[in-house]
Amino acid sequence: LQSKVKESLGATRELYAAFSVAKSLQDLP
C-alpha cells in the first residue's frame, strides 16, 4: 500500500513538472 501511494506521489510530481514548464499546450509532450 505504501509503495502504491509513493507511486501516486511520483506520478503527480511528473504531471506537475510537465504542466509547470509548459507555456502552451503544444509544449507538452
mmCIF file of all heavy atoms, coordinates in Angstrom:
data_MODEL
# 
_entry.id   MODEL 
# 
loop_
_atom_site.group_PDB 
_atom_site.id 
_atom_site.type_symbol 
_atom_site.label_atom_id 
_atom_site.label_alt_id 
_atom_site.label_comp_id 
_atom_site.label_asym_id 
_atom_site.label_entity_id 
_atom_site.label_seq_id 
_atom_site.pdbx_PDB_ins_code 
_atom_site.Cartn_x 
_atom_site.Cartn_y 
_atom_site.Cartn_z 
_atom_site.occupancy 
_atom_site.B_iso_or_equiv 
_atom_site.pdbx_formal_charge 
_atom_site.auth_seq_id 
_atom_site.auth_comp_id 
_atom_site.auth_asym_id 
_atom_site.auth_atom_id 
_atom_site.pdbx_PDB_model_num 
ATOM 1   N N   . LEU A 1 1  ? 0.836  -1.205 0.000   1.00 0.00 ? 1  LEU A N   1 
ATOM 2   C CA  . LEU A 1 1  ? 0.000  0.000  0.000   1.00 0.00 ? 1  LEU A CA  1 
ATOM 3   C C   . LEU A 1 1  ? 0.870  1.254  0.000   1.00 0.00 ? 1  LEU A C   1 
ATOM 4   O O   . LEU A 1 1  ? 0.588  2.212  -0.734  1.00 0.00 ? 1  LEU A O   1 
ATOM 5   C CB  . LEU A 1 1  ? -0.939 0.005  1.201   1.00 0.00 ? 1  LEU A CB  1 
ATOM 6   C CG  . LEU A 1 1  ? -2.085 -0.993 1.178   1.00 0.00 ? 1  LEU A CG  1 
ATOM 7   C CD1 . LEU A 1 1  ? -2.849 -0.965 2.495   1.00 0.00 ? 1  LEU A CD1 1 
ATOM 8   C CD2 . LEU A 1 1  ? -3.026 -0.717 0.022   1.00 0.00 ? 1  LEU A CD2 1 
ATOM 9   N N   . GLN A 1 2  ? 1.925  1.240  0.808   1.00 0.00 ? 2  GLN A N   1 
ATOM 10  C CA  . GLN A 1 2  ? 2.814  2.392  0.860   1.00 0.00 ? 2  GLN A CA  1 
ATOM 11  C C   . GLN A 1 2  ? 3.456  2.650  -0.503  1.00 0.00 ? 2  GLN A C   1 
ATOM 12  O O   . GLN A 1 2  ? 3.564  3.794  -0.940  1.00 0.00 ? 2  GLN A O   1 
ATOM 13  C CB  . GLN A 1 2  ? 3.906  2.188  1.911   1.00 0.00 ? 2  GLN A CB  1 
ATOM 14  C CG  . GLN A 1 2  ? 3.386  2.259  3.338   1.00 0.00 ? 2  GLN A CG  1 
ATOM 15  C CD  . GLN A 1 2  ? 4.508  2.152  4.345   1.00 0.00 ? 2  GLN A CD  1 
ATOM 16  O OE1 . GLN A 1 2  ? 5.529  2.792  4.190   1.00 0.00 ? 2  GLN A OE1 1 
ATOM 17  N NE2 . GLN A 1 2  ? 4.304  1.339  5.364   1.00 0.00 ? 2  GLN A NE2 1 
ATOM 18  N N   . SER A 1 3  ? 3.863  1.583  -1.180  1.00 0.00 ? 3  SER A N   1 
ATOM 19  C CA  . SER A 1 3  ? 4.518  1.767  -2.478  1.00 0.00 ? 3  SER A CA  1 
ATOM 20  C C   . SER A 1 3  ? 3.537  2.316  -3.516  1.00 0.00 ? 3  SER A C   1 
ATOM 21  O O   . SER A 1 3  ? 3.933  3.106  -4.375  1.00 0.00 ? 3  SER A O   1 
ATOM 22  C CB  . SER A 1 3  ? 5.154  0.468  -2.962  1.00 0.00 ? 3  SER A CB  1 
ATOM 23  O OG  . SER A 1 3  ? 4.183  -0.496 -3.263  1.00 0.00 ? 3  SER A OG  1 
ATOM 24  N N   . LYS A 1 4  ? 2.274  1.942  -3.423  1.00 0.00 ? 4  LYS A N   1 
ATOM 25  C CA  . LYS A 1 4  ? 1.287  2.471  -4.370  1.00 0.00 ? 4  LYS A CA  1 
ATOM 26  C C   . LYS A 1 4  ? 1.051  3.960  -4.133  1.00 0.00 ? 4  LYS A C   1 
ATOM 27  O O   . LYS A 1 4  ? 0.894  4.730  -5.072  1.00 0.00 ? 4  LYS A O   1 
ATOM 28  C CB  . LYS A 1 4  ? -0.022 1.679  -4.273  1.00 0.00 ? 4  LYS A CB  1 
ATOM 29  C CG  . LYS A 1 4  ? 0.112  0.291  -4.868  1.00 0.00 ? 4  LYS A CG  1 
ATOM 30  C CD  . LYS A 1 4  ? -1.154 -0.516 -4.722  1.00 0.00 ? 4  LYS A CD  1 
ATOM 31  C CE  . LYS A 1 4  ? -0.945 -1.895 -5.329  1.00 0.00 ? 4  LYS A CE  1 
ATOM 32  N NZ  . LYS A 1 4  ? -2.125 -2.741 -5.226  1.00 0.00 ? 4  LYS A NZ  1 
ATOM 33  N N   . VAL A 1 5  ? 1.029  4.366  -2.876  1.00 0.00 ? 5  VAL A N   1 
ATOM 34  C CA  . VAL A 1 5  ? 0.860  5.787  -2.574  1.00 0.00 ? 5  VAL A CA  1 
ATOM 35  C C   . VAL A 1 5  ? 2.109  6.552  -3.018  1.00 0.00 ? 5  VAL A C   1 
ATOM 36  O O   . VAL A 1 5  ? 2.015  7.648  -3.575  1.00 0.00 ? 5  VAL A O   1 
ATOM 37  C CB  . VAL A 1 5  ? 0.544  6.014  -1.086  1.00 0.00 ? 5  VAL A CB  1 
ATOM 38  C CG1 . VAL A 1 5  ? 0.509  7.492  -0.750  1.00 0.00 ? 5  VAL A CG1 1 
ATOM 39  C CG2 . VAL A 1 5  ? -0.789 5.367  -0.731  1.00 0.00 ? 5  VAL A CG2 1 
ATOM 40  N N   . LYS A 1 6  ? 3.295  5.961  -2.815  1.00 0.00 ? 6  LYS A N   1 
ATOM 41  C CA  . LYS A 1 6  ? 4.530  6.595  -3.287  1.00 0.00 ? 6  LYS A CA  1 
ATOM 42  C C   . LYS A 1 6  ? 4.545  6.690  -4.809  1.00 0.00 ? 6  LYS A C   1 
ATOM 43  O O   . LYS A 1 6  ? 5.017  7.675  -5.377  1.00 0.00 ? 6  LYS A O   1 
ATOM 44  C CB  . LYS A 1 6  ? 5.755  5.830  -2.784  1.00 0.00 ? 6  LYS A CB  1 
ATOM 45  C CG  . LYS A 1 6  ? 6.005  6.030  -1.301  1.00 0.00 ? 6  LYS A CG  1 
ATOM 46  C CD  . LYS A 1 6  ? 7.179  5.206  -0.809  1.00 0.00 ? 6  LYS A CD  1 
ATOM 47  C CE  . LYS A 1 6  ? 7.343  5.351  0.694   1.00 0.00 ? 6  LYS A CE  1 
ATOM 48  N NZ  . LYS A 1 6  ? 8.382  4.462  1.238   1.00 0.00 ? 6  LYS A NZ  1 
ATOM 49  N N   . GLU A 1 7  ? 4.020  5.673  -5.460  1.00 0.00 ? 7  GLU A N   1 
ATOM 50  C CA  . GLU A 1 7  ? 3.910  5.691  -6.922  1.00 0.00 ? 7  GLU A CA  1 
ATOM 51  C C   . GLU A 1 7  ? 2.976  6.826  -7.358  1.00 0.00 ? 7  GLU A C   1 
ATOM 52  O O   . GLU A 1 7  ? 3.251  7.536  -8.326  1.00 0.00 ? 7  GLU A O   1 
ATOM 53  C CB  . GLU A 1 7  ? 3.383  4.341  -7.416  1.00 0.00 ? 7  GLU A CB  1 
ATOM 54  C CG  . GLU A 1 7  ? 3.345  4.193  -8.913  1.00 0.00 ? 7  GLU A CG  1 
ATOM 55  C CD  . GLU A 1 7  ? 2.830  2.826  -9.334  1.00 0.00 ? 7  GLU A CD  1 
ATOM 56  O OE1 . GLU A 1 7  ? 3.164  1.813  -8.674  1.00 0.00 ? 7  GLU A OE1 1 
ATOM 57  O OE2 . GLU A 1 7  ? 2.088  2.766  -10.327 1.00 0.00 ? 7  GLU A OE2 1 
ATOM 58  N N   . SER A 1 8  ? 1.891  7.013  -6.623  1.00 0.00 ? 8  SER A N   1 
ATOM 59  C CA  . SER A 1 8  ? 0.963  8.108  -6.911  1.00 0.00 ? 8  SER A CA  1 
ATOM 60  C C   . SER A 1 8  ? 1.651  9.456  -6.736  1.00 0.00 ? 8  SER A C   1 
ATOM 61  O O   . SER A 1 8  ? 1.464  10.370 -7.540  1.00 0.00 ? 8  SER A O   1 
ATOM 62  C CB  . SER A 1 8  ? -0.264 8.030  -6.000  1.00 0.00 ? 8  SER A CB  1 
ATOM 63  O OG  . SER A 1 8  ? -0.995 6.862  -6.248  1.00 0.00 ? 8  SER A OG  1 
ATOM 64  N N   . LEU A 1 9  ? 2.454  9.570  -5.690  1.00 0.00 ? 9  LEU A N   1 
ATOM 65  C CA  . LEU A 1 9  ? 3.201  10.807 -5.455  1.00 0.00 ? 9  LEU A CA  1 
ATOM 66  C C   . LEU A 1 9  ? 4.149  11.075 -6.624  1.00 0.00 ? 9  LEU A C   1 
ATOM 67  O O   . LEU A 1 9  ? 4.233  12.198 -7.128  1.00 0.00 ? 9  LEU A O   1 
ATOM 68  C CB  . LEU A 1 9  ? 3.975  10.722 -4.137  1.00 0.00 ? 9  LEU A CB  1 
ATOM 69  C CG  . LEU A 1 9  ? 4.885  11.909 -3.806  1.00 0.00 ? 9  LEU A CG  1 
ATOM 70  C CD1 . LEU A 1 9  ? 4.097  13.208 -3.737  1.00 0.00 ? 9  LEU A CD1 1 
ATOM 71  C CD2 . LEU A 1 9  ? 5.624  11.650 -2.493  1.00 0.00 ? 9  LEU A CD2 1 
ATOM 72  N N   . GLY A 1 10 ? 4.847  10.041 -7.063  1.00 0.00 ? 10 GLY A N   1 
ATOM 73  C CA  . GLY A 1 10 ? 5.745  10.198 -8.214  1.00 0.00 ? 10 GLY A CA  1 
ATOM 74  C C   . GLY A 1 10 ? 4.998  10.627 -9.466  1.00 0.00 ? 10 GLY A C   1 
ATOM 75  O O   . GLY A 1 10 ? 5.469  11.486 -10.222 1.00 0.00 ? 10 GLY A O   1 
ATOM 76  N N   . ALA A 1 11 ? 3.829  10.043 -9.678  1.00 0.00 ? 11 ALA A N   1 
ATOM 77  C CA  . ALA A 1 11 ? 3.035  10.391 -10.857 1.00 0.00 ? 11 ALA A CA  1 
ATOM 78  C C   . ALA A 1 11 ? 2.577  11.852 -10.804 1.00 0.00 ? 11 ALA A C   1 
ATOM 79  O O   . ALA A 1 11 ? 2.635  12.560 -11.811 1.00 0.00 ? 11 ALA A O   1 
ATOM 80  C CB  . ALA A 1 11 ? 1.819  9.466  -10.964 1.00 0.00 ? 11 ALA A CB  1 
ATOM 81  N N   . THR A 1 12 ? 2.148  12.301 -9.629  1.00 0.00 ? 12 THR A N   1 
ATOM 82  C CA  . THR A 1 12 ? 1.703  13.694 -9.527  1.00 0.00 ? 12 THR A CA  1 
ATOM 83  C C   . THR A 1 12 ? 2.877  14.653 -9.692  1.00 0.00 ? 12 THR A C   1 
ATOM 84  O O   . THR A 1 12 ? 2.720  15.721 -10.275 1.00 0.00 ? 12 THR A O   1 
ATOM 85  C CB  . THR A 1 12 ? 0.979  13.975 -8.194  1.00 0.00 ? 12 THR A CB  1 
ATOM 86  O OG1 . THR A 1 12 ? 1.844  13.660 -7.105  1.00 0.00 ? 12 THR A OG1 1 
ATOM 87  C CG2 . THR A 1 12 ? -0.315 13.184 -8.086  1.00 0.00 ? 12 THR A CG2 1 
ATOM 88  N N   . ARG A 1 13 ? 4.058  14.261 -9.204  1.00 0.00 ? 13 ARG A N   1 
ATOM 89  C CA  . ARG A 1 13 ? 5.253  15.099 -9.401  1.00 0.00 ? 13 ARG A CA  1 
ATOM 90  C C   . ARG A 1 13 ? 5.570  15.248 -10.890 1.00 0.00 ? 13 ARG A C   1 
ATOM 91  O O   . ARG A 1 13 ? 5.890  16.333 -11.362 1.00 0.00 ? 13 ARG A O   1 
ATOM 92  C CB  . ARG A 1 13 ? 6.458  14.504 -8.673  1.00 0.00 ? 13 ARG A CB  1 
ATOM 93  C CG  . ARG A 1 13 ? 6.449  14.743 -7.195  1.00 0.00 ? 13 ARG A CG  1 
ATOM 94  C CD  . ARG A 1 13 ? 7.693  14.170 -6.548  1.00 0.00 ? 13 ARG A CD  1 
ATOM 95  N NE  . ARG A 1 13 ? 7.708  14.488 -5.129  1.00 0.00 ? 13 ARG A NE  1 
ATOM 96  C CZ  . ARG A 1 13 ? 8.361  13.799 -4.222  1.00 0.00 ? 13 ARG A CZ  1 
ATOM 97  N NH1 . ARG A 1 13 ? 9.073  12.750 -4.577  1.00 0.00 ? 13 ARG A NH1 1 
ATOM 98  N NH2 . ARG A 1 13 ? 8.329  14.164 -2.958  1.00 0.00 ? 13 ARG A NH2 1 
ATOM 99  N N   . GLU A 1 14 ? 5.503  14.130 -11.613 1.00 0.00 ? 14 GLU A N   1 
ATOM 100 C CA  . GLU A 1 14 ? 5.776  14.161 -13.051 1.00 0.00 ? 14 GLU A CA  1 
ATOM 101 C C   . GLU A 1 14 ? 4.769  15.046 -13.782 1.00 0.00 ? 14 GLU A C   1 
ATOM 102 O O   . GLU A 1 14 ? 5.147  15.849 -14.646 1.00 0.00 ? 14 GLU A O   1 
ATOM 103 C CB  . GLU A 1 14 ? 5.727  12.747 -13.632 1.00 0.00 ? 14 GLU A CB  1 
ATOM 104 C CG  . GLU A 1 14 ? 6.880  11.864 -13.225 1.00 0.00 ? 14 GLU A CG  1 
ATOM 105 C CD  . GLU A 1 14 ? 6.704  10.426 -13.703 1.00 0.00 ? 14 GLU A CD  1 
ATOM 106 O OE1 . GLU A 1 14 ? 5.873  10.181 -14.604 1.00 0.00 ? 14 GLU A OE1 1 
ATOM 107 O OE2 . GLU A 1 14 ? 7.397  9.551  -13.166 1.00 0.00 ? 14 GLU A OE2 1 
ATOM 108 N N   . LEU A 1 15 ? 3.497  14.884 -13.455 1.00 0.00 ? 15 LEU A N   1 
ATOM 109 C CA  . LEU A 1 15 ? 2.465  15.688 -14.117 1.00 0.00 ? 15 LEU A CA  1 
ATOM 110 C C   . LEU A 1 15 ? 2.641  17.170 -13.792 1.00 0.00 ? 15 LEU A C   1 
ATOM 111 O O   . LEU A 1 15 ? 2.571  18.029 -14.684 1.00 0.00 ? 15 LEU A O   1 
ATOM 112 C CB  . LEU A 1 15 ? 1.068  15.217 -13.708 1.00 0.00 ? 15 LEU A CB  1 
ATOM 113 C CG  . LEU A 1 15 ? 0.645  13.844 -14.223 1.00 0.00 ? 15 LEU A CG  1 
ATOM 114 C CD1 . LEU A 1 15 ? -0.678 13.426 -13.604 1.00 0.00 ? 15 LEU A CD1 1 
ATOM 115 C CD2 . LEU A 1 15 ? 0.543  13.866 -15.740 1.00 0.00 ? 15 LEU A CD2 1 
ATOM 116 N N   . TYR A 1 16 ? 2.879  17.472 -12.522 1.00 0.00 ? 16 TYR A N   1 
ATOM 117 C CA  . TYR A 1 16 ? 3.069  18.871 -12.131 1.00 0.00 ? 16 TYR A CA  1 
ATOM 118 C C   . TYR A 1 16 ? 4.273  19.468 -12.846 1.00 0.00 ? 16 TYR A C   1 
ATOM 119 O O   . TYR A 1 16 ? 4.218  20.592 -13.347 1.00 0.00 ? 16 TYR A O   1 
ATOM 120 C CB  . TYR A 1 16 ? 3.215  18.983 -10.617 1.00 0.00 ? 16 TYR A CB  1 
ATOM 121 C CG  . TYR A 1 16 ? 3.440  20.407 -10.155 1.00 0.00 ? 16 TYR A CG  1 
ATOM 122 C CD1 . TYR A 1 16 ? 2.411  21.343 -10.238 1.00 0.00 ? 16 TYR A CD1 1 
ATOM 123 C CD2 . TYR A 1 16 ? 4.678  20.814 -9.680  1.00 0.00 ? 16 TYR A CD2 1 
ATOM 124 C CE1 . TYR A 1 16 ? 2.614  22.656 -9.840  1.00 0.00 ? 16 TYR A CE1 1 
ATOM 125 C CE2 . TYR A 1 16 ? 4.886  22.125 -9.264  1.00 0.00 ? 16 TYR A CE2 1 
ATOM 126 C CZ  . TYR A 1 16 ? 3.849  23.046 -9.359  1.00 0.00 ? 16 TYR A CZ  1 
ATOM 127 O OH  . TYR A 1 16 ? 4.048  24.343 -8.971  1.00 0.00 ? 16 TYR A OH  1 
ATOM 128 N N   . ALA A 1 17 ? 5.352  18.711 -12.926 1.00 0.00 ? 17 ALA A N   1 
ATOM 129 C CA  . ALA A 1 17 ? 6.556  19.197 -13.607 1.00 0.00 ? 17 ALA A CA  1 
ATOM 130 C C   . ALA A 1 17 ? 6.264  19.487 -15.084 1.00 0.00 ? 17 ALA A C   1 
ATOM 131 O O   . ALA A 1 17 ? 6.686  20.523 -15.616 1.00 0.00 ? 17 ALA A O   1 
ATOM 132 C CB  . ALA A 1 17 ? 7.685  18.183 -13.470 1.00 0.00 ? 17 ALA A CB  1 
ATOM 133 N N   . ALA A 1 18 ? 5.523  18.597 -15.724 1.00 0.00 ? 18 ALA A N   1 
ATOM 134 C CA  . ALA A 1 18 ? 5.202  18.801 -17.147 1.00 0.00 ? 18 ALA A CA  1 
ATOM 135 C C   . ALA A 1 18 ? 4.348  20.044 -17.342 1.00 0.00 ? 18 ALA A C   1 
ATOM 136 O O   . ALA A 1 18 ? 4.611  20.859 -18.233 1.00 0.00 ? 18 ALA A O   1 
ATOM 137 C CB  . ALA A 1 18 ? 4.484  17.567 -17.704 1.00 0.00 ? 18 ALA A CB  1 
ATOM 138 N N   . PHE A 1 19 ? 3.325  20.219 -16.505 1.00 0.00 ? 19 PHE A N   1 
ATOM 139 C CA  . PHE A 1 19 ? 2.452  21.382 -16.653 1.00 0.00 ? 19 PHE A CA  1 
ATOM 140 C C   . PHE A 1 19 ? 3.148  22.677 -16.229 1.00 0.00 ? 19 PHE A C   1 
ATOM 141 O O   . PHE A 1 19 ? 2.840  23.749 -16.743 1.00 0.00 ? 19 PHE A O   1 
ATOM 142 C CB  . PHE A 1 19 ? 1.159  21.193 -15.857 1.00 0.00 ? 19 PHE A CB  1 
ATOM 143 C CG  . PHE A 1 19 ? 0.220  20.201 -16.480 1.00 0.00 ? 19 PHE A CG  1 
ATOM 144 C CD1 . PHE A 1 19 ? -0.154 19.049 -15.792 1.00 0.00 ? 19 PHE A CD1 1 
ATOM 145 C CD2 . PHE A 1 19 ? -0.295 20.396 -17.741 1.00 0.00 ? 19 PHE A CD2 1 
ATOM 146 C CE1 . PHE A 1 19 ? -1.019 18.133 -16.352 1.00 0.00 ? 19 PHE A CE1 1 
ATOM 147 C CE2 . PHE A 1 19 ? -1.163 19.482 -18.327 1.00 0.00 ? 19 PHE A CE2 1 
ATOM 148 C CZ  . PHE A 1 19 ? -1.524 18.345 -17.631 1.00 0.00 ? 19 PHE A CZ  1 
ATOM 149 N N   . SER A 1 20 ? 4.091  22.585 -15.303 1.00 0.00 ? 20 SER A N   1 
ATOM 150 C CA  . SER A 1 20 ? 4.772  23.779 -14.802 1.00 0.00 ? 20 SER A CA  1 
ATOM 151 C C   . SER A 1 20 ? 5.684  24.422 -15.831 1.00 0.00 ? 20 SER A C   1 
ATOM 152 O O   . SER A 1 20 ? 5.820  25.646 -15.861 1.00 0.00 ? 20 SER A O   1 
ATOM 153 C CB  . SER A 1 20 ? 5.589  23.452 -13.552 1.00 0.00 ? 20 SER A CB  1 
ATOM 154 O OG  . SER A 1 20 ? 4.720  23.139 -12.500 1.00 0.00 ? 20 SER A OG  1 
ATOM 155 N N   . VAL A 1 21 ? 6.343  23.613 -16.641 1.00 0.00 ? 21 VAL A N   1 
ATOM 156 C CA  . VAL A 1 21 ? 7.287  24.175 -17.614 1.00 0.00 ? 21 VAL A CA  1 
ATOM 157 C C   . VAL A 1 21 ? 6.612  24.555 -18.932 1.00 0.00 ? 21 VAL A C   1 
ATOM 158 O O   . VAL A 1 21 ? 7.190  25.311 -19.715 1.00 0.00 ? 21 VAL A O   1 
ATOM 159 C CB  . VAL A 1 21 ? 8.469  23.218 -17.884 1.00 0.00 ? 21 VAL A CB  1 
ATOM 160 C CG1 . VAL A 1 21 ? 9.271  22.989 -16.626 1.00 0.00 ? 21 VAL A CG1 1 
ATOM 161 C CG2 . VAL A 1 21 ? 8.003  21.902 -18.473 1.00 0.00 ? 21 VAL A CG2 1 
ATOM 162 N N   . ALA A 1 22 ? 5.415  24.058 -19.153 1.00 0.00 ? 22 ALA A N   1 
ATOM 163 C CA  . ALA A 1 22 ? 4.731  24.330 -20.419 1.00 0.00 ? 22 ALA A CA  1 
ATOM 164 C C   . ALA A 1 22 ? 4.216  25.771 -20.469 1.00 0.00 ? 22 ALA A C   1 
ATOM 165 O O   . ALA A 1 22 ? 3.603  26.253 -19.527 1.00 0.00 ? 22 ALA A O   1 
ATOM 166 C CB  . ALA A 1 22 ? 3.567  23.358 -20.607 1.00 0.00 ? 22 ALA A CB  1 
ATOM 167 N N   . LYS A 1 23 ? 4.513  26.439 -21.551 1.00 0.00 ? 23 LYS A N   1 
ATOM 168 C CA  . LYS A 1 23 ? 3.992  27.788 -21.790 1.00 0.00 ? 23 LYS A CA  1 
ATOM 169 C C   . LYS A 1 23 ? 2.720  27.725 -22.639 1.00 0.00 ? 23 LYS A C   1 
ATOM 170 O O   . LYS A 1 23 ? 1.938  28.658 -22.667 1.00 0.00 ? 23 LYS A O   1 
ATOM 171 C CB  . LYS A 1 23 ? 5.029  28.659 -22.495 1.00 0.00 ? 23 LYS A CB  1 
ATOM 172 C CG  . LYS A 1 23 ? 6.333  28.778 -21.755 1.00 0.00 ? 23 LYS A CG  1 
ATOM 173 C CD  . LYS A 1 23 ? 6.191  29.658 -20.536 1.00 0.00 ? 23 LYS A CD  1 
ATOM 174 C CE  . LYS A 1 23 ? 7.543  29.886 -19.906 1.00 0.00 ? 23 LYS A CE  1 
ATOM 175 N NZ  . LYS A 1 23 ? 7.561  29.664 -18.489 1.00 0.00 ? 23 LYS A NZ  1 
ATOM 176 N N   . SER A 1 24 ? 2.557  26.598 -23.336 1.00 0.00 ? 24 SER A N   1 
ATOM 177 C CA  . SER A 1 24 ? 1.351  26.374 -24.133 1.00 0.00 ? 24 SER A CA  1 
ATOM 178 C C   . SER A 1 24 ? 1.099  24.869 -24.173 1.00 0.00 ? 24 SER A C   1 
ATOM 179 O O   . SER A 1 24 ? 1.970  24.071 -23.798 1.00 0.00 ? 24 SER A O   1 
ATOM 180 C CB  . SER A 1 24 ? 1.522  26.916 -25.558 1.00 0.00 ? 24 SER A CB  1 
ATOM 181 O OG  . SER A 1 24 ? 2.428  26.105 -26.281 1.00 0.00 ? 24 SER A OG  1 
ATOM 182 N N   . LEU A 1 25 ? -0.062 24.491 -24.624 1.00 0.00 ? 25 LEU A N   1 
ATOM 183 C CA  . LEU A 1 25 ? -0.388 23.066 -24.701 1.00 0.00 ? 25 LEU A CA  1 
ATOM 184 C C   . LEU A 1 25 ? 0.524  22.351 -25.685 1.00 0.00 ? 25 LEU A C   1 
ATOM 185 O O   . LEU A 1 25 ? 0.808  21.164 -25.530 1.00 0.00 ? 25 LEU A O   1 
ATOM 186 C CB  . LEU A 1 25 ? -1.856 22.877 -25.089 1.00 0.00 ? 25 LEU A CB  1 
ATOM 187 C CG  . LEU A 1 25 ? -2.878 23.348 -24.054 1.00 0.00 ? 25 LEU A CG  1 
ATOM 188 C CD1 . LEU A 1 25 ? -4.290 23.224 -24.593 1.00 0.00 ? 25 LEU A CD1 1 
ATOM 189 C CD2 . LEU A 1 25 ? -2.733 22.574 -22.754 1.00 0.00 ? 25 LEU A CD2 1 
ATOM 190 N N   . GLN A 1 26 ? 1.019  23.083 -26.700 1.00 0.00 ? 26 GLN A N   1 
ATOM 191 C CA  . GLN A 1 26 ? 1.930  22.480 -27.673 1.00 0.00 ? 26 GLN A CA  1 
ATOM 192 C C   . GLN A 1 26 ? 3.285  22.131 -27.047 1.00 0.00 ? 26 GLN A C   1 
ATOM 193 O O   . GLN A 1 26 ? 4.013  21.293 -27.568 1.00 0.00 ? 26 GLN A O   1 
ATOM 194 C CB  . GLN A 1 26 ? 2.148  23.414 -28.873 1.00 0.00 ? 26 GLN A CB  1 
ATOM 195 C CG  . GLN A 1 26 ? 0.956  23.519 -29.800 1.00 0.00 ? 26 GLN A CG  1 
ATOM 196 C CD  . GLN A 1 26 ? -0.175 24.371 -29.219 1.00 0.00 ? 26 GLN A CD  1 
ATOM 197 O OE1 . GLN A 1 26 ? 0.079  25.281 -28.440 1.00 0.00 ? 26 GLN A OE1 1 
ATOM 198 N NE2 . GLN A 1 26 ? -1.403 24.061 -29.588 1.00 0.00 ? 26 GLN A NE2 1 
ATOM 199 N N   . ASP A 1 27 ? 3.625  22.776 -25.938 1.00 0.00 ? 27 ASP A N   1 
ATOM 200 C CA  . ASP A 1 27 ? 4.888  22.482 -25.248 1.00 0.00 ? 27 ASP A CA  1 
ATOM 201 C C   . ASP A 1 27 ? 4.849  21.147 -24.517 1.00 0.00 ? 27 ASP A C   1 
ATOM 202 O O   . ASP A 1 27 ? 5.898  20.619 -24.152 1.00 0.00 ? 27 ASP A O   1 
ATOM 203 C CB  . ASP A 1 27 ? 5.215  23.579 -24.219 1.00 0.00 ? 27 ASP A CB  1 
ATOM 204 C CG  . ASP A 1 27 ? 5.551  24.905 -24.862 1.00 0.00 ? 27 ASP A CG  1 
ATOM 205 O OD1 . ASP A 1 27 ? 5.865  24.919 -26.076 1.00 0.00 ? 27 ASP A OD1 1 
ATOM 206 O OD2 . ASP A 1 27 ? 5.500  25.922 -24.154 1.00 0.00 ? 27 ASP A OD2 1 
ATOM 207 N N   . LEU A 1 28 ? 3.659  20.629 -24.284 1.00 0.00 ? 28 LEU A N   1 
ATOM 208 C CA  . LEU A 1 28 ? 3.525  19.363 -23.556 1.00 0.00 ? 28 LEU A CA  1 
ATOM 209 C C   . LEU A 1 28 ? 3.854  18.195 -24.483 1.00 0.00 ? 28 LEU A C   1 
ATOM 210 O O   . LEU A 1 28 ? 3.413  18.171 -25.633 1.00 0.00 ? 28 LEU A O   1 
ATOM 211 C CB  . LEU A 1 28 ? 2.103  19.191 -23.033 1.00 0.00 ? 28 LEU A CB  1 
ATOM 212 C CG  . LEU A 1 28 ? 1.651  20.161 -21.958 1.00 0.00 ? 28 LEU A CG  1 
ATOM 213 C CD1 . LEU A 1 28 ? 0.159  20.018 -21.720 1.00 0.00 ? 28 LEU A CD1 1 
ATOM 214 C CD2 . LEU A 1 28 ? 2.422  19.915 -20.665 1.00 0.00 ? 28 LEU A CD2 1 
ATOM 215 N N   . PRO A 1 29 ? 4.614  17.231 -23.992 1.00 0.00 ? 29 PRO A N   1 
ATOM 216 C CA  . PRO A 1 29 ? 4.819  16.020 -24.793 1.00 0.00 ? 29 PRO A CA  1 
ATOM 217 C C   . PRO A 1 29 ? 3.461  15.378 -25.091 1.00 0.00 ? 29 PRO A C   1 
ATOM 218 O O   . PRO A 1 29 ? 2.549  15.425 -24.267 1.00 0.00 ? 29 PRO A O   1 
ATOM 219 C CB  . PRO A 1 29 ? 5.663  15.124 -23.885 1.00 0.00 ? 29 PRO A CB  1 
ATOM 220 C CG  . PRO A 1 29 ? 6.287  16.046 -22.891 1.00 0.00 ? 29 PRO A CG  1 
ATOM 221 C CD  . PRO A 1 29 ? 5.325  17.187 -22.719 1.00 0.00 ? 29 PRO A CD  1 
# 
